[in-house]
Protein backbone atom coordinates (compact mmCIF):
# COMPACT_ATOMS: atom_id res chain seq x y z
CA MET A 1 21.71 7.96 -6.08
CA SER A 2 21.03 4.89 -3.94
CA LYS A 3 23.10 4.26 -0.81
CA GLY A 4 23.53 0.68 -2.04
CA THR A 5 21.88 -2.65 -1.34
CA TYR A 6 20.30 -3.87 1.88
CA SER A 7 19.58 -7.59 1.88
CA PHE A 8 18.11 -9.92 4.49
CA THR A 9 15.94 -12.97 5.01
CA THR A 10 13.39 -14.59 7.23
CA PRO A 11 13.71 -18.34 7.74
CA ILE A 12 12.37 -20.50 4.94
CA TYR A 13 9.24 -21.69 6.75
CA TYR A 14 8.09 -25.28 6.95
CA VAL A 15 4.87 -26.12 5.10
CA ASN A 16 3.66 -28.48 7.83
CA ALA A 17 1.28 -25.87 9.31
CA ALA A 18 -0.17 -22.46 8.50
CA PRO A 19 1.56 -19.30 9.78
CA HIS A 20 0.97 -18.38 13.43
CA LEU A 21 1.96 -15.37 15.51
CA GLY A 22 5.54 -16.61 15.81
CA THR A 23 6.19 -16.87 12.08
CA ALA A 24 4.33 -13.60 11.52
CA TYR A 25 6.51 -11.92 14.18
CA THR A 26 9.71 -12.70 12.29
CA THR A 27 8.19 -11.69 8.97
CA ILE A 28 6.78 -8.38 10.23
CA ALA A 29 10.19 -7.55 11.72
CA ALA A 30 11.84 -8.17 8.36
CA ASP A 31 9.19 -6.12 6.57
CA THR A 32 9.66 -3.22 9.00
CA VAL A 33 13.35 -3.21 8.08
CA ALA A 34 12.50 -3.49 4.38
CA ARG A 35 10.11 -0.54 4.44
CA TYR A 36 12.47 1.66 6.43
CA GLN A 37 15.58 0.94 4.39
CA ARG A 38 13.70 1.63 1.13
CA MET A 39 12.70 5.00 2.58
CA ASN A 40 16.33 5.40 3.70
CA ASP A 41 17.54 5.21 0.07
CA TYR A 42 18.67 1.57 -0.10
CA ASP A 43 17.84 -1.00 -2.76
CA VAL A 44 16.22 -3.73 -0.68
CA SER A 45 16.25 -7.49 -1.23
CA PHE A 46 13.94 -9.26 1.20
CA VAL A 47 13.91 -13.05 0.85
CA THR A 48 11.38 -15.38 2.42
CA GLY A 49 9.74 -18.61 1.31
CA LEU A 50 8.83 -22.21 2.07
CA ASP A 51 10.87 -25.25 3.07
CA GLU A 52 9.02 -28.05 1.29
CA HIS A 53 11.32 -31.07 1.46
CA GLY A 54 12.17 -33.72 4.03
CA GLN A 55 10.72 -36.73 5.77
CA LYS A 56 8.44 -34.66 7.97
CA VAL A 57 6.73 -33.06 4.96
CA ALA A 58 6.33 -36.43 3.26
CA GLU A 59 4.69 -37.86 6.38
CA VAL A 60 2.30 -34.92 6.81
CA ALA A 61 1.31 -35.20 3.14
CA ALA A 62 0.61 -38.92 3.54
CA ASP A 63 -1.52 -38.19 6.61
CA HIS A 64 -3.65 -35.90 4.41
CA GLY A 65 -3.89 -38.40 1.58
CA MET A 66 -1.77 -36.28 -0.75
CA THR A 67 1.52 -36.55 -2.55
CA PRO A 68 4.24 -34.33 -1.05
CA GLN A 69 4.02 -31.92 -3.98
CA GLU A 70 0.24 -31.70 -3.70
CA TRP A 71 0.52 -30.96 0.01
CA CYS A 72 3.14 -28.26 -0.56
CA ASP A 73 1.09 -26.64 -3.31
CA SER A 74 -1.97 -26.62 -1.06
CA MET A 75 -0.08 -24.75 1.68
CA VAL A 76 1.40 -21.93 -0.38
CA GLY A 77 -1.73 -19.79 -0.18
CA ALA A 78 -1.80 -20.00 3.61
CA PHE A 79 1.50 -18.13 3.66
CA THR A 80 1.15 -15.76 0.72
CA ASP A 81 -2.37 -14.76 1.79
CA THR A 82 -1.21 -14.09 5.36
CA TRP A 83 1.74 -12.01 4.19
CA GLU A 84 -0.56 -10.04 1.89
CA MET A 85 -2.96 -9.43 4.77
CA LEU A 86 -0.07 -8.15 6.92
CA ASN A 87 1.26 -5.92 4.11
CA ILE A 88 4.55 -7.80 3.81
CA THR A 89 6.68 -6.46 0.95
CA TYR A 90 9.10 -9.32 0.25
CA THR A 91 11.03 -9.21 -3.00
CA SER A 92 11.60 -12.96 -3.38
CA PHE A 93 9.47 -15.90 -2.27
CA VAL A 94 11.52 -19.08 -2.66
CA ARG A 95 9.96 -22.50 -2.73
CA THR A 96 12.53 -25.23 -2.21
CA THR A 97 10.67 -27.37 -4.77
CA SER A 98 11.36 -24.78 -7.48
CA ALA A 99 13.69 -25.31 -10.40
CA ALA A 100 15.78 -22.34 -9.23
CA GLN A 101 16.36 -24.00 -5.85
CA HIS A 102 17.32 -27.26 -7.54
CA ARG A 103 19.96 -25.39 -9.53
CA THR A 104 21.31 -23.72 -6.41
CA VAL A 105 21.50 -26.86 -4.30
CA GLN A 106 23.11 -28.99 -6.96
CA LYS A 107 25.66 -26.34 -7.91
CA PHE A 108 26.60 -25.61 -4.30
CA TRP A 109 27.05 -29.22 -3.16
CA GLN A 110 28.80 -30.22 -6.39
CA ASP A 111 31.29 -27.45 -5.65
CA LEU A 112 31.91 -28.72 -2.10
CA TYR A 113 32.18 -32.28 -3.41
CA ASP A 114 34.78 -31.18 -5.95
CA LYS A 115 36.72 -29.37 -3.22
CA GLY A 116 36.87 -32.52 -1.08
CA TYR A 117 34.59 -31.43 1.78
CA LEU A 118 32.18 -34.38 1.40
CA TYR A 119 32.60 -38.11 2.02
CA LYS A 120 30.32 -41.14 2.19
CA SER A 121 29.91 -43.13 5.37
CA SER A 122 27.39 -44.99 7.52
CA TYR A 123 25.54 -43.08 10.21
CA GLU A 124 24.95 -44.40 13.70
CA GLY A 125 22.87 -42.25 16.00
CA TRP A 126 19.52 -40.67 16.76
CA TYR A 127 17.27 -38.63 14.52
CA CYS A 128 14.20 -36.47 15.24
CA VAL A 129 11.87 -36.26 12.27
CA HIS A 130 10.02 -33.23 13.64
CA GLU A 131 13.16 -31.15 14.20
CA GLU A 132 14.90 -32.65 11.13
CA THR A 133 17.97 -32.99 13.35
CA TYR A 134 20.49 -35.65 14.37
CA TYR A 135 21.42 -35.82 18.06
CA ALA A 136 24.19 -37.44 20.06
CA GLU A 137 22.84 -39.78 22.73
CA SER A 138 24.30 -37.50 25.40
CA ASP A 139 22.01 -34.68 24.18
CA LEU A 140 18.78 -36.69 24.44
CA LEU A 141 16.21 -36.64 27.22
CA ARG A 142 14.12 -39.56 28.50
CA ASP A 143 10.35 -39.73 28.86
CA GLU A 144 8.49 -41.27 31.81
CA ASP A 145 9.02 -44.74 30.38
CA GLY A 146 12.74 -44.23 29.94
CA ASN A 147 12.64 -43.86 26.15
CA PHE A 148 14.88 -41.34 24.45
CA ILE A 149 13.12 -38.17 23.32
CA CYS A 150 14.21 -35.06 21.44
CA PRO A 151 15.65 -32.35 23.71
CA ASP A 152 13.88 -29.66 21.68
CA CYS A 153 10.39 -30.90 20.82
CA LYS A 154 10.22 -33.76 23.38
CA ARG A 155 9.01 -36.21 20.72
CA PRO A 156 10.37 -39.76 20.30
CA VAL A 157 13.55 -40.04 18.25
CA GLN A 158 14.46 -42.72 15.74
CA ARG A 159 17.58 -44.86 15.80
CA ALA A 160 19.44 -44.37 12.52
CA SER A 161 21.68 -47.38 12.16
CA GLY A 162 23.79 -48.35 9.19
CA GLU A 163 22.23 -45.89 6.74
CA GLU A 164 24.84 -44.74 4.25
CA ASN A 165 24.93 -40.94 3.99
CA TRP A 166 27.08 -38.22 2.56
CA PHE A 167 28.82 -36.16 5.24
CA PHE A 168 30.09 -32.59 5.28
CA LYS A 169 33.41 -32.16 7.12
CA LEU A 170 31.97 -29.77 9.69
CA SER A 171 34.55 -30.84 12.28
CA GLU A 172 37.29 -29.13 10.25
CA PHE A 173 35.66 -25.76 10.85
CA GLN A 174 35.69 -25.63 14.65
CA GLN A 175 38.71 -23.36 14.91
CA PRO A 176 37.88 -21.25 11.82
CA LEU A 177 34.40 -20.64 13.27
CA LEU A 178 35.72 -19.65 16.69
CA GLU A 179 38.18 -17.27 15.06
CA PHE A 180 35.39 -15.85 12.91
CA TYR A 181 33.17 -15.25 15.96
CA GLU A 182 36.08 -13.49 17.68
CA LYS A 183 36.79 -11.21 14.71
CA ASN A 184 33.11 -10.57 13.97
CA PRO A 185 31.33 -9.98 17.29
CA GLU A 186 28.23 -8.68 15.48
CA PHE A 187 27.72 -11.94 13.59
CA ILE A 188 25.52 -13.47 16.32
CA ARG A 189 23.02 -11.28 18.08
CA PRO A 190 21.85 -10.78 20.72
CA GLU A 191 24.80 -11.46 23.03
CA THR A 192 23.07 -14.35 24.79
CA ARG A 193 22.81 -16.25 21.50
CA ARG A 194 26.47 -15.58 20.78
CA ASN A 195 27.57 -16.98 24.12
CA GLU A 196 25.52 -20.14 23.55
CA ILE A 197 27.00 -20.75 20.10
CA VAL A 198 30.59 -20.10 21.15
CA SER A 199 30.16 -22.54 24.03
CA PHE A 200 28.66 -25.16 21.74
CA VAL A 201 31.39 -24.93 19.10
CA SER A 202 34.13 -24.88 21.73
CA ARG A 203 33.05 -28.34 22.88
CA GLY A 204 33.86 -29.75 19.42
CA LEU A 205 31.95 -30.39 16.21
CA GLN A 206 30.96 -33.63 14.53
CA ASP A 207 30.74 -34.05 10.78
CA LEU A 208 27.24 -33.44 9.45
CA SER A 209 25.11 -35.83 7.44
CA ILE A 210 23.82 -33.89 4.44
CA SER A 211 21.88 -36.63 2.65
CA ARG A 212 19.27 -39.33 3.13
CA SER A 213 18.69 -42.46 1.05
CA THR A 214 15.68 -43.94 2.88
CA PHE A 215 13.19 -41.58 1.19
CA ASP A 216 13.18 -39.58 -2.03
CA TRP A 217 11.32 -36.36 -1.20
CA GLY A 218 14.19 -33.97 -1.68
CA ILE A 219 16.70 -32.65 -4.19
CA PRO A 220 19.02 -35.39 -5.50
CA LEU A 221 22.73 -34.85 -4.99
CA PRO A 222 24.27 -34.32 -8.44
CA PHE A 223 27.14 -36.71 -7.77
CA ASP A 224 24.96 -39.46 -6.23
CA GLU A 225 21.31 -39.38 -7.26
CA GLY A 226 20.45 -42.22 -4.90
CA HIS A 227 20.70 -39.62 -2.14
CA VAL A 228 18.56 -36.55 -1.56
CA CYS A 229 19.67 -33.48 0.34
CA TYR A 230 19.08 -33.36 4.07
CA VAL A 231 16.55 -30.63 4.72
CA TRP A 232 18.92 -28.07 6.27
CA ALA A 233 21.48 -28.64 3.51
CA ASP A 234 18.67 -27.63 1.16
CA ALA A 235 16.74 -24.89 2.99
CA LEU A 236 19.70 -22.71 3.99
CA LEU A 237 20.67 -22.40 0.35
CA ALA A 238 17.30 -20.80 -0.46
CA TYR A 239 18.82 -17.53 0.79
CA LEU A 240 21.19 -17.68 -2.18
CA THR A 241 18.43 -18.68 -4.60
CA GLY A 242 16.39 -15.63 -3.59
CA ILE A 243 19.02 -13.24 -4.93
CA GLY A 244 19.98 -15.14 -8.06
CA TYR A 245 22.73 -17.64 -7.22
CA ALA A 246 23.26 -20.20 -10.03
CA ASP A 247 21.14 -18.09 -12.40
CA PRO A 248 23.33 -16.67 -15.19
CA ASN A 249 20.72 -13.99 -15.86
CA ARG A 250 20.92 -12.69 -12.27
CA GLU A 251 24.66 -12.71 -11.66
CA ALA A 252 24.88 -8.95 -11.16
CA GLU A 253 21.97 -9.05 -8.69
CA PHE A 254 23.63 -11.78 -6.68
CA ASN A 255 26.98 -10.01 -6.57
CA ALA A 256 25.30 -6.80 -5.41
CA ASN A 257 23.32 -8.47 -2.62
CA TRP A 258 25.69 -11.06 -1.17
CA PRO A 259 26.81 -11.07 1.57
CA MET A 260 23.58 -10.01 3.25
CA GLN A 261 23.11 -7.72 6.23
CA TYR A 262 20.81 -10.02 8.23
CA HIS A 263 19.24 -13.40 8.65
CA PHE A 264 16.26 -12.97 11.03
CA VAL A 265 15.51 -16.27 12.76
CA GLY A 266 13.94 -17.67 15.90
CA LYS A 267 16.42 -18.51 18.64
CA ASP A 268 15.65 -22.23 18.27
CA ILE A 269 17.37 -22.38 14.87
CA THR A 270 20.40 -20.19 15.56
CA ARG A 271 22.68 -23.25 15.70
CA PHE A 272 21.93 -24.11 12.08
CA HIS A 273 22.47 -20.51 10.98
CA CYS A 274 25.51 -19.73 13.14
CA VAL A 275 27.42 -23.03 12.91
CA ILE A 276 26.41 -25.11 9.89
CA TRP A 277 25.67 -22.22 7.53
CA PRO A 278 28.89 -20.20 7.99
CA ALA A 279 30.92 -23.42 7.78
CA MET A 280 29.22 -24.26 4.47
CA LEU A 281 30.03 -20.79 3.17
CA MET A 282 33.63 -21.02 4.36
CA ALA A 283 34.00 -24.31 2.50
CA ALA A 284 32.58 -22.69 -0.63
CA GLY A 285 34.95 -19.73 -0.30
CA MET A 286 32.03 -17.32 -0.02
CA PRO A 287 31.65 -14.32 2.32
CA ILE A 288 29.31 -14.73 5.28
CA THR A 289 26.19 -12.74 6.17
CA HIS A 290 26.99 -9.87 8.52
CA THR A 291 24.52 -10.77 11.30
CA VAL A 292 22.29 -13.65 12.33
CA PHE A 293 19.70 -12.21 14.69
CA GLY A 294 18.09 -14.92 16.82
CA HIS A 295 15.02 -13.31 18.32
CA GLY A 296 13.12 -14.70 21.30
CA PHE A 297 9.85 -16.57 21.51
CA LEU A 298 6.40 -15.09 21.94
CA LEU A 299 4.95 -16.53 25.11
CA THR A 300 1.31 -16.84 26.10
CA LYS A 301 0.85 -17.51 29.78
CA GLY A 302 4.54 -18.30 30.01
CA GLU A 303 4.73 -20.93 27.27
CA LYS A 304 6.23 -20.88 23.80
CA MET A 305 3.47 -20.65 21.21
CA SER A 306 3.17 -23.77 19.08
CA LYS A 307 0.52 -25.62 17.14
CA SER A 308 1.17 -28.82 19.07
CA LYS A 309 0.43 -27.11 22.39
CA GLY A 310 -2.75 -25.60 21.02
CA ASN A 311 -1.83 -22.06 22.06
CA ALA A 312 -0.65 -20.64 18.74
CA LEU A 313 -2.89 -17.71 17.88
CA SER A 314 -4.07 -16.82 14.41
CA PRO A 315 -2.83 -13.61 12.76
CA ALA A 316 -6.19 -13.33 10.99
CA ASP A 317 -8.10 -13.32 14.29
CA MET A 318 -5.76 -10.70 15.72
CA VAL A 319 -6.10 -8.49 12.65
CA LYS A 320 -9.88 -8.80 12.80
CA THR A 321 -9.75 -7.48 16.36
CA PHE A 322 -7.00 -4.85 16.20
CA GLY A 323 -6.45 -4.08 12.53
CA VAL A 324 -3.23 -4.70 10.63
CA ASP A 325 -1.31 -1.61 11.73
CA ALA A 326 -2.04 -2.00 15.43
CA TYR A 327 -1.09 -5.68 15.20
CA ARG A 328 2.23 -4.80 13.55
CA TYR A 329 2.93 -1.91 15.91
CA TYR A 330 2.30 -3.88 19.10
CA PHE A 331 4.66 -6.73 18.28
CA MET A 332 7.44 -4.42 17.10
CA SER A 333 7.15 -1.84 19.87
CA ASP A 334 6.17 -3.74 22.99
CA VAL A 335 8.12 -6.99 22.56
CA GLN A 336 11.86 -6.29 22.75
CA PHE A 337 13.32 -7.92 19.67
CA GLY A 338 15.85 -10.51 20.77
CA HIS A 339 14.17 -11.43 24.04
CA ASP A 340 11.24 -13.67 24.87
CA GLY A 341 8.07 -11.63 25.05
CA SER A 342 5.00 -12.39 27.10
CA ILE A 343 1.92 -11.31 25.20
CA SER A 344 -1.66 -10.90 26.38
CA LEU A 345 -4.90 -9.45 25.14
CA GLU A 346 -4.96 -6.99 28.04
CA ARG A 347 -1.53 -5.62 27.20
CA MET A 348 -2.33 -5.35 23.50
CA VAL A 349 -5.44 -3.29 24.27
CA GLN A 350 -3.45 -1.11 26.67
CA VAL A 351 -0.80 -0.31 24.04
CA TYR A 352 -3.47 0.19 21.38
CA ASN A 353 -5.47 2.66 23.48
CA ASN A 354 -2.57 4.55 25.09
CA GLU A 355 -0.16 4.90 22.17
CA LEU A 356 -2.20 4.51 19.01
CA ALA A 357 -5.70 5.72 19.88
CA ASN A 358 -4.81 8.45 22.40
CA THR A 359 -1.31 9.67 21.61
CA TRP A 360 -1.27 9.30 17.81
CA GLY A 361 -4.78 8.89 16.44
CA ASN A 362 -6.40 11.48 18.70
CA LEU A 363 -3.64 13.97 17.92
CA VAL A 364 -4.36 13.72 14.21
CA SER A 365 -8.10 14.13 14.75
CA ARG A 366 -7.71 17.16 17.04
CA VAL A 367 -5.26 19.06 14.88
CA PHE A 368 -6.99 18.29 11.60
CA ASN A 369 -10.36 19.34 13.06
CA MET A 370 -8.84 22.60 14.34
CA THR A 371 -7.34 23.20 10.90
CA LYS A 372 -10.83 22.83 9.45
CA LYS A 373 -12.38 25.08 12.06
CA TYR A 374 -9.82 27.89 12.04
CA PHE A 375 -8.31 27.75 8.53
CA ASP A 376 -11.00 26.26 6.32
CA SER A 377 -9.18 22.90 6.12
CA CYS A 378 -5.99 24.38 4.66
CA VAL A 379 -2.43 24.38 6.00
CA PRO A 380 -2.11 27.96 7.30
CA VAL A 381 0.21 30.51 5.74
CA VAL A 382 2.62 31.72 8.39
CA MET A 383 3.29 35.44 8.09
CA ASP A 384 6.87 36.78 7.98
CA ASP A 385 6.64 38.24 11.47
CA ASP A 386 5.71 34.86 12.88
CA LYS A 387 8.41 32.77 11.16
CA PRO A 388 10.48 32.53 14.35
CA LEU A 389 7.58 30.65 15.94
CA VAL A 390 7.81 28.09 13.16
CA GLU A 391 11.57 27.90 13.01
CA ALA A 392 12.31 27.75 16.74
CA ASN A 393 9.87 25.64 18.70
CA PRO A 394 10.02 22.56 20.92
CA LEU A 395 8.54 20.32 18.23
CA ARG A 396 11.20 21.20 15.70
CA GLU A 397 13.93 20.56 18.28
CA ILE A 398 12.73 16.97 18.71
CA ALA A 399 12.01 16.47 15.02
CA ASP A 400 15.51 17.62 14.05
CA GLU A 401 17.04 14.89 16.23
CA LEU A 402 14.59 12.17 15.22
CA TYR A 403 16.38 10.77 12.17
CA ALA A 404 19.64 10.16 14.01
CA THR A 405 17.96 8.49 16.98
CA TYR A 406 15.60 6.44 14.84
CA ASP A 407 18.24 5.39 12.32
CA ASP A 408 20.62 4.30 15.08
CA ALA A 409 17.87 2.15 16.58
CA MET A 410 16.81 0.65 13.25
CA SER A 411 20.40 -0.14 12.27
CA ILE A 412 20.58 -2.54 15.21
CA VAL A 413 16.92 -3.65 14.83
CA ASP A 414 15.91 -2.01 18.09
CA PHE A 415 12.31 -1.57 17.06
CA SER A 416 11.20 -0.56 20.55
CA GLY A 417 13.79 2.23 20.61
CA ALA A 418 12.68 3.48 17.20
CA THR A 419 8.99 3.61 18.12
CA GLN A 420 9.76 5.27 21.45
CA ALA A 421 11.60 8.03 19.60
CA VAL A 422 8.56 8.65 17.38
CA MET A 423 6.13 8.55 20.30
CA LYS A 424 8.28 11.09 22.14
CA LEU A 425 7.50 13.58 19.38
CA ALA A 426 3.82 12.62 19.28
CA SER A 427 3.50 13.09 23.04
CA ARG A 428 5.23 16.46 22.84
CA VAL A 429 2.84 17.65 20.11
CA ASN A 430 -0.11 16.80 22.34
CA SER A 431 1.33 18.78 25.24
CA TYR A 432 2.34 21.62 22.88
CA VAL A 433 -1.27 21.97 21.72
CA GLU A 434 -2.43 22.13 25.33
CA GLU A 435 0.23 24.70 26.21
CA GLN A 436 -0.49 26.94 23.23
CA ALA A 437 -4.28 26.59 23.56
CA PRO A 438 -5.22 27.48 19.96
CA TRP A 439 -8.87 27.71 21.00
CA ASN A 440 -7.91 30.79 23.03
CA LEU A 441 -5.65 32.22 20.32
CA ALA A 442 -8.56 32.02 17.90
CA LYS A 443 -10.58 34.48 20.01
CA SER A 444 -8.49 37.53 19.14
CA GLU A 445 -7.42 39.12 15.84
CA GLU A 446 -4.12 40.05 17.47
CA THR A 447 -3.13 36.38 17.94
CA GLN A 448 -4.16 35.07 14.52
CA GLY A 449 -0.55 34.92 13.36
CA GLN A 450 0.43 32.97 16.46
CA LEU A 451 -2.54 30.65 15.92
CA ALA A 452 -1.36 29.99 12.37
CA ALA A 453 2.13 29.15 13.63
CA VAL A 454 0.82 26.77 16.29
CA ILE A 455 -1.40 24.89 13.85
CA TYR A 456 1.34 24.79 11.24
CA ASN A 457 3.83 23.41 13.75
CA ALA A 458 1.40 20.72 14.87
CA LEU A 459 0.57 19.74 11.27
CA GLU A 460 4.25 19.64 10.33
CA ALA A 461 5.05 17.44 13.32
CA ILE A 462 2.22 15.10 12.31
CA ARG A 463 3.71 14.89 8.81
CA VAL A 464 7.10 13.91 10.27
CA ILE A 465 5.56 11.40 12.69
CA ALA A 466 3.70 9.73 9.83
CA LEU A 467 6.99 9.35 7.94
CA TYR A 468 8.66 7.49 10.78
CA MET A 469 5.59 5.48 11.69
CA ALA A 470 5.29 4.22 8.11
CA PRO A 471 7.51 1.11 8.49
CA PHE A 472 5.48 0.02 11.52
CA ALA A 473 1.96 1.12 10.60
CA PRO A 474 2.01 1.58 6.81
CA GLN A 475 -1.71 1.93 6.13
CA THR A 476 -2.17 4.60 8.78
CA SER A 477 0.80 6.67 7.64
CA ALA A 478 -0.41 6.45 4.05
CA GLU A 479 -3.83 7.68 5.18
CA VAL A 480 -2.37 10.60 7.18
CA TRP A 481 -0.29 11.72 4.19
CA ARG A 482 -3.34 11.39 1.97
CA ARG A 483 -5.35 13.61 4.33
CA LEU A 484 -2.48 16.14 4.19
CA SER A 485 -2.62 16.02 0.36
CA LEU A 486 1.01 14.85 0.26
CA GLY A 487 0.70 11.82 -2.01
CA ASP A 488 2.28 8.45 -1.29
CA VAL A 489 4.41 8.29 1.85
CA PHE A 490 6.21 5.26 0.40
CA ALA A 491 7.36 7.27 -2.58
CA VAL A 492 9.87 8.80 -0.16
CA THR A 493 13.37 7.44 -0.75
CA ASP A 494 15.26 9.93 1.42
CA ILE A 495 13.53 9.92 4.77
CA GLN A 496 16.17 12.14 6.33
CA GLY A 497 15.71 14.82 3.69
CA ALA A 498 11.93 14.43 3.68
CA SER A 499 11.75 14.99 7.44
CA VAL A 500 13.55 18.35 7.36
CA TRP A 501 11.34 20.79 9.23
CA GLY A 502 9.15 23.13 7.23
CA ALA A 503 8.49 20.97 4.16
CA LEU A 504 4.70 20.96 4.58
CA PRO A 505 3.38 23.35 1.91
CA ALA A 506 1.09 26.14 3.04
CA GLY A 507 -2.33 26.01 1.44
CA HIS A 508 -2.50 22.21 1.18
CA HIS A 509 -5.96 20.85 1.80
CA VAL A 510 -6.29 18.96 5.10
CA GLU A 511 -9.03 16.36 5.19
CA THR A 512 -10.75 15.26 8.38
CA GLY A 513 -12.04 11.75 8.67
CA ASP A 514 -12.87 8.80 10.86
CA PRO A 515 -10.64 8.12 13.89
CA LEU A 516 -7.50 6.27 12.86
CA PHE A 517 -7.68 4.01 15.91
CA PRO A 518 -11.10 3.85 17.59
CA ARG A 519 -10.66 3.00 21.27
CA LEU A 520 -11.14 -0.61 22.30
CA ASP A 521 -12.79 -2.04 25.40
CA VAL A 522 -11.04 -5.21 26.49
CA GLU A 523 -14.23 -6.50 28.08
CA ALA A 524 -16.11 -6.21 24.81
CA ILE A 525 -13.60 -8.23 22.76
CA ASP A 526 -14.75 -11.75 21.97
CA PHE A 527 -11.32 -13.29 21.57
CA GLU A 528 -9.79 -16.44 22.95
CA GLU A 529 -6.22 -16.07 24.22
């Protein structure tokens, strides 16, 4: 019996450039949650996709000599191939050019139009094409020549004067939003993001333009087809499309999955998700997602990674150097989710060698090789007289507490805390093997029972570690379970029950093999930071 549904999203990514480490970071985080919650007996809906509309997309397409649709179609593979390479297990990939998204957008905004939350007026102000955002003059910066530039991307802004747009009455939701934040302190995380949003809303809200009439690359408003939806009024609704909104054949799916547990986003777009989005949902009379988690930026040499700065690194290059699992593990374990994280090749190699090669990979090799040497590659049978050694030992004590610690961490997306809990057990197994010295126990017939207990305990701990490492390093955990003749680790749907001590069957064949994580020499890596 399933515990219920667990639903969440990444942002709907722009198609203006291929995925980089920043977009991969958000997506791997979401996939780590997806994999864990499936193993934790939830029915998971994991929505991601592509934001394909707007002036910026039309301009990039023109620069490449393509129509907007041709450009969008050409970019899909860059994302789907990258997510496949990184073992991302999304359940819905929404393209905002899809028929399903058209249905969603037109139904949603028709509803708000009918309820009186939209009006037509002329817009006077400043617009940044790159950020797809309108700014008050007081928010703008000036370049060296005194021209106004965007406060976020530092690019020139355009003066929008006299264009007739449809507006959403965002200003009416200032007090309802502040009351919502007060009653739902977990809605915006981490706390620093919450403080920023509360401060912003407290200063007052202006009504939001939700349409453009100067270009046609977008979804037409159903009540005024001379206007297409402003990009954020389109893209945010993809979260609903991904779980079946406006699809009569998916009504039950939508009702089961909305509201969602999480939207995972970069901190630069929390304002859209924590102000505009909940106001839209309030206007529609719909419940609001439980938490918007605005994680920090990945920094290289102290700067935010971006294509325009030329310091955005390629996931494919990183995978070629470290492998998929080490790539995933490093970004989830070493970069505290929610804070900016400074990344470097040196630190990645250090984490790889210390935690994956030495603590985890070497442990598996040592214990599996000793199983081959002392027990003909079979999980030893522990005799009745030695059962206390299996049932009461320092490894079991840690393993018995692991689910609670790990689940608490994962429930608040503290990936570092979750991996630390697993590595605590792995480190203790290594020291346990040294303390028990099976190579000495093997020398005497009198200690054969104790030897069997020691090897069994180490093998059982490895089985449990592989379970909890699976959301972070799926290929490696699958390989460890295969070598233990246990089948598919991702067939587990009750990780708490599966990790109960003593479930490793005696007599199972244990296969040795190549090192899971061969050590790396940072000096030998030909990789540009």
